[in-house]
C-alpha atoms as a PDB file:
ATOM      1  CA  MET A   1      -5.025  46.981 -13.324  1.00  0.00           C
ATOM      2  CA  GLN A   2      -7.892  44.489 -13.406  1.00  0.00           C
ATOM      3  CA  VAL A   3      -6.118  42.426 -16.013  1.00  0.00           C
ATOM      4  CA  ASN A   4      -3.112  42.033 -13.719  1.00  0.00           C
ATOM      5  CA  ALA A   5      -5.393  40.952 -10.866  1.00  0.00           C
ATOM      6  CA  VAL A   6      -7.053  38.364 -13.098  1.00  0.00           C
ATOM      7  CA  ILE A   7      -3.656  37.115 -14.267  1.00  0.00           C
ATOM      8  CA  GLN A   8      -2.395  36.843 -10.685  1.00  0.00           C
ATOM      9  CA  ASP A   9      -5.576  35.079  -9.608  1.00  0.00           C
ATOM     10  CA  ASP A  10      -5.277  32.628 -12.502  1.00  0.00           C
ATOM     11  CA  ALA A  11      -1.612  32.035 -11.681  1.00  0.00           C
ATOM     12  CA  LYS A  12      -2.565  31.222  -8.061  1.00  0.00           C
ATOM     13  CA  ARG A  13      -5.298  28.868  -9.248  1.00  0.00           C
ATOM     14  CA  LEU A  14      -2.897  27.170 -11.650  1.00  0.00           C
ATOM     15  CA  LYS A  15      -0.287  26.744  -8.931  1.00  0.00           C
ATOM     16  CA  HIS A  16      -2.916  25.309  -6.585  1.00  0.00           C
ATOM     17  CA  ALA A  17      -4.173  22.940  -9.297  1.00  0.00           C
ATOM     18  CA  GLU A  18      -0.617  21.786 -10.033  1.00  0.00           C
ATOM     19  CA  HIS A  19      -0.067  21.150  -6.317  1.00  0.00           C
ATOM     20  CA  GLN A  20      -3.281  19.141  -6.151  1.00  0.00           C
ATOM     21  CA  ALA A  21      -2.280  17.162  -9.247  1.00  0.00           C
ATOM     22  CA  THR A  22       1.098  16.360  -7.691  1.00  0.00           C
ATOM     23  CA  ASP A  23      -0.563  15.241  -4.449  1.00  0.00           C
ATOM     24  CA  LEU A  24      -3.045  13.088  -6.358  1.00  0.00           C
ATOM     25  CA  GLN A  25      -0.250  11.496  -8.398  1.00  0.00           C
ATOM     26  CA  LYS A  26       1.614  10.636  -5.187  1.00  0.00           C
ATOM     27  CA  ARG A  27      -1.567   9.080  -3.782  1.00  0.00           C
ATOM     28  CA  ILE A  28      -2.102   7.099  -6.994  1.00  0.00           C
ATOM     29  CA  ASP A  29       1.479   5.834  -6.841  1.00  0.00           C
ATOM     30  CA  GLU A  30       0.983   4.767  -3.202  1.00  0.00           C
ATOM     31  CA  LEU A  31      -2.265   2.991  -4.049  1.00  0.00           C
ATOM     32  CA  ASN A  32      -0.651   1.225  -7.013  1.00  0.00           C
ATOM     33  CA  SER A  33       2.147   0.066  -4.753  1.00  0.00           C
ATOM     34  CA  ASP A  34      -0.361  -1.164  -2.165  1.00  0.00           C
ATOM     35  CA  LEU A  35      -2.331  -2.940  -4.881  1.00  0.00           C
ATOM     36  CA  SER A  36       0.779  -4.639  -6.210  1.00  0.00           C
ATOM     37  CA  SER A  37       1.761  -5.787  -2.724  1.00  0.00           C
ATOM     38  CA  SER A  38      -1.755  -7.050  -2.056  1.00  0.00           C
ATOM     39  CA  ASN A  39      -1.812  -8.963  -5.332  1.00  0.00           C
ATOM     40  CA  SER A  40       1.530 -10.585  -4.527  1.00  0.00           C
ATOM     41  CA  GLU A  41       0.314 -11.549  -1.052  1.00  0.00           C
ATOM     42  CA  ASN A  42      -2.909 -12.912  -2.534  1.00  0.00           C
ATOM     43  CA  GLN A  43      -0.959 -15.078  -4.996  1.00  0.00           C
ATOM     44  CA  ARG A  44       1.270 -16.351  -2.197  1.00  0.00           C
ATOM     45  CA  LEU A  45      -1.735 -17.211  -0.034  1.00  0.00           C
ATOM     46  CA  ALA A  46      -3.541 -18.889  -2.932  1.00  0.00           C
ATOM     47  CA  SER A  47      -0.489 -21.074  -3.549  1.00  0.00           C
ATOM     48  CA  GLU A  48      -0.267 -21.909   0.145  1.00  0.00           C
ATOM     49  CA  LEU A  49      -3.970 -22.783   0.214  1.00  0.00           C
ATOM     50  CA  THR A  50      -3.564 -25.092  -2.787  1.00  0.00           C
ATOM     51  CA  ARG A  51      -0.592 -26.783  -1.140  1.00  0.00           C
ATOM     52  CA  LEU A  52      -2.531 -27.277   2.097  1.00  0.00           C
ATOM     53  CA  LYS A  53      -5.586 -28.638   0.254  1.00  0.00           C
ATOM     54  CA  THR A  54      -3.331 -31.158  -1.475  1.00  0.00           C
ATOM     55  CA  GLN A  55      -1.844 -32.213   1.867  1.00  0.00           C
ATOM     56  CA  VAL A  56      -5.311 -32.605   3.394  1.00  0.00           C
ATOM     57  CA  SER A  57      -6.404 -34.710   0.436  1.00  0.00           C
ATOM     58  CA  ASP A  58      -3.280 -36.891   0.701  1.00  0.00           C
ATOM     59  CA  GLN A  59      -3.792 -37.355   4.437  1.00  0.00           C
ATOM     60  CA  GLN A  60      -7.460 -38.214   3.920  1.00  0.00           C
ATOM     61  CA  SER A  61      -6.460 -40.847   1.347  1.00  0.00           C
ATOM     62  CA  LYS A  62      -4.012 -42.354   3.851  1.00  0.00           C
ATOM     63  CA  ILE A  63      -6.689 -42.359   6.569  1.00  0.00           C
ATOM     64  CA  ASP A  64      -9.139 -44.072   4.227  1.00  0.00           C
ATOM     65  CA  ALA A  65      -6.549 -46.715   3.309  1.00  0.00           C
ATOM     66  CA  LEU A  66      -5.726 -47.337   6.978  1.00  0.00           C
ATOM     67  CA  GLN A  67      -9.428 -47.663   7.814  1.00  0.00           C
ATOM     68  CA  ARG A  68      -9.868 -50.212   5.021  1.00  0.00           C
ATOM     69  CA  ASP A  69      -6.850 -52.151   6.270  1.00  0.00           C
ATOM     70  CA  ASN A  70      -8.163 -51.979   9.827  1.00  0.00           C
ATOM     71  CA  ASN A  71     -11.557 -53.234   8.741  1.00  0.00           C
ATOM     72  CA  LYS A  72      -9.937 -56.150   6.887  1.00  0.00           C
ATOM     73  CA  LEU A  73      -7.870 -57.060   9.935  1.00  0.00           C
ATOM     74  CA  THR A  74     -10.827 -56.920  12.298  1.00  0.00           C
ATOM     75  CA  GLY A  75     -13.035 -58.878   9.907  1.00  0.00           C
ATOM     76  CA  ARG A  76     -15.641 -56.217   9.289  1.00  0.00           C
END
């Protein structure tokens, strides 16, 4: 009789552990998906930042050239 109780208790524990493992795997899959999305967004933003830095640099070069031209025209 005690052996059957132990077997039933172990079966319940195993079923509970399997349920927990399934839940954890689902959570891991969700986190991996979130991580992948975050990495993609990070790459997109890094590219956008590089593009904007290049534009700022180009605009600053144009401003500098216009200031030099202005200084030449005003005799400074």
